[in-house]
Protein backbone atom coordinates (compact mmCIF):
# COMPACT_ATOMS: atom_id res chain seq x y z
CA UNK A 1 34.21 12.72 44.56
CA UNK A 2 37.49 13.51 42.95
CA UNK A 3 38.97 11.20 40.38
CA UNK A 4 41.86 9.36 42.02
CA UNK A 5 43.59 8.55 38.75
CA UNK A 6 46.31 10.87 37.59
CA UNK A 7 47.04 9.20 34.30
CA UNK A 8 47.46 5.77 32.88
CA UNK A 9 50.60 3.85 32.14
CA UNK A 10 49.55 0.54 30.63
CA UNK A 11 47.17 -1.48 32.76
CA UNK A 12 48.26 -0.10 36.14
CA UNK A 13 46.09 2.81 37.34
CA UNK A 14 47.88 5.64 39.08
CA UNK A 15 46.08 6.85 42.21
CA UNK A 16 46.67 10.23 43.80
CA UNK A 17 46.84 9.88 47.58
CA UNK A 18 45.02 13.15 48.34
CA UNK A 19 42.07 12.31 46.11
CA UNK A 20 41.86 8.75 47.41
CA UNK A 21 41.93 10.00 51.00
CA UNK A 22 39.23 12.56 50.22
CA UNK A 23 37.04 9.89 48.61
CA UNK A 24 37.41 7.53 51.57
CA UNK A 25 36.55 10.37 53.97
CA UNK A 26 33.41 11.10 51.98
CA UNK A 27 32.40 7.44 52.34
CA UNK A 28 32.91 7.58 56.12
CA UNK A 29 30.97 10.84 56.43
CA UNK A 30 28.06 9.62 54.33
CA UNK A 31 27.86 6.28 56.16
CA UNK A 32 28.03 7.98 59.56
CA UNK A 33 25.31 10.44 58.57
CA UNK A 34 23.10 7.64 57.23
CA UNK A 35 23.73 5.60 60.38
CA UNK A 36 22.51 8.44 62.57
CA UNK A 37 19.47 9.20 60.43
CA UNK A 38 18.68 5.49 60.05
CA UNK A 39 18.94 4.98 63.81
CA UNK A 40 16.50 7.80 64.48
CA UNK A 41 14.08 6.46 61.85
CA UNK A 42 14.33 2.90 63.20
CA UNK A 43 13.64 4.16 66.71
CA UNK A 44 10.65 6.26 65.66
CA UNK A 45 9.19 3.40 63.62
CA UNK A 46 9.55 1.13 66.65
CA UNK A 47 11.91 -1.51 65.25
CA UNK A 48 13.18 -3.90 67.90
CA UNK A 49 15.64 -6.76 67.89
CA UNK A 50 16.79 -8.26 64.64
CA UNK A 51 14.49 -6.09 62.54
CA UNK A 52 16.51 -2.99 63.46
CA UNK A 53 19.78 -4.59 62.38
CA UNK A 54 18.23 -5.77 59.13
CA UNK A 55 17.10 -2.18 58.56
CA UNK A 56 20.65 -0.93 59.18
CA UNK A 57 22.25 -3.32 56.72
CA UNK A 58 19.55 -2.48 54.17
CA UNK A 59 20.46 1.21 54.55
CA UNK A 60 24.15 0.41 54.09
CA UNK A 61 23.39 -1.66 50.98
CA UNK A 62 21.45 1.24 49.48
CA UNK A 63 24.31 3.58 50.40
CA UNK A 64 26.78 1.31 48.61
CA UNK A 65 24.58 1.29 45.51
CA UNK A 66 24.34 5.08 45.68
CA UNK A 67 28.12 5.42 45.91
CA UNK A 68 28.52 3.05 42.98
CA UNK A 69 26.09 5.11 40.94
CA UNK A 70 27.86 8.34 41.94
CA UNK A 71 31.15 6.90 40.68
CA UNK A 72 29.36 5.83 37.47
CA UNK A 73 30.24 2.19 38.29
CA UNK A 74 33.90 2.96 37.53
CA UNK A 75 35.24 2.14 40.97
CA UNK A 76 38.91 1.94 40.06
CA UNK A 77 38.88 5.55 38.83
CA UNK A 78 38.05 6.75 42.35
CA UNK A 79 39.15 3.97 44.74
CA UNK A 80 41.83 1.31 44.91
CA UNK A 81 39.41 -1.61 45.40
CA UNK A 82 35.74 -2.55 45.39
CA UNK A 83 35.81 -3.16 49.14
CA UNK A 84 36.20 0.58 49.74
CA UNK A 85 32.67 1.19 48.47
CA UNK A 86 31.00 -2.03 49.52
CA UNK A 87 32.17 -2.56 53.11
CA UNK A 88 34.33 0.40 54.18
CA UNK A 89 32.81 1.99 57.28
CA UNK A 90 29.80 -0.32 57.54
CA UNK A 91 30.68 -1.64 60.99
CA UNK A 92 32.04 1.71 62.14
CA UNK A 93 28.62 3.27 61.74
CA UNK A 94 26.89 0.43 63.56
CA UNK A 95 27.59 1.91 67.00
CA UNK A 96 26.18 5.28 65.96
CA UNK A 97 23.12 3.53 64.56
CA UNK A 98 22.50 1.59 67.79
CA UNK A 99 23.00 4.71 69.92
CA UNK A 100 20.50 6.82 68.00
CA UNK A 101 18.14 3.87 67.50
CA UNK A 102 17.82 3.24 71.24
CA UNK A 103 17.70 6.97 72.01
CA UNK A 104 14.86 7.65 69.55
CA UNK A 105 13.00 4.49 70.59
CA UNK A 106 13.18 5.48 74.26
CA UNK A 107 11.96 9.02 73.59
CA UNK A 108 9.04 8.01 71.37
CA UNK A 109 7.86 4.71 72.84
CA UNK A 110 8.90 4.70 76.50
CA UNK A 111 8.73 8.29 77.76
């Protein structure tokens, strides 16, 4: 991740648009990748119903903690708000998770 701050003038942080855009893209890519891998794992392990969705949100919570740790818990140096790390892209990856979850479940447990 690139630091989004370009300097400080008082209490208002200055964010560089290119770095902020790059950081948000890295969040989307990591969440999409984890959604696909998590869907395959959930399908192989045989999760069905609500248990699969609980597994997905657990993965996203761990991903958020990992992103917080990567930014050294200094979110405003890399992003404009906490919601970028905590909820950005969570529901976007849900469709990928369900697709790969059902695909892996069908291959392992049905065929």
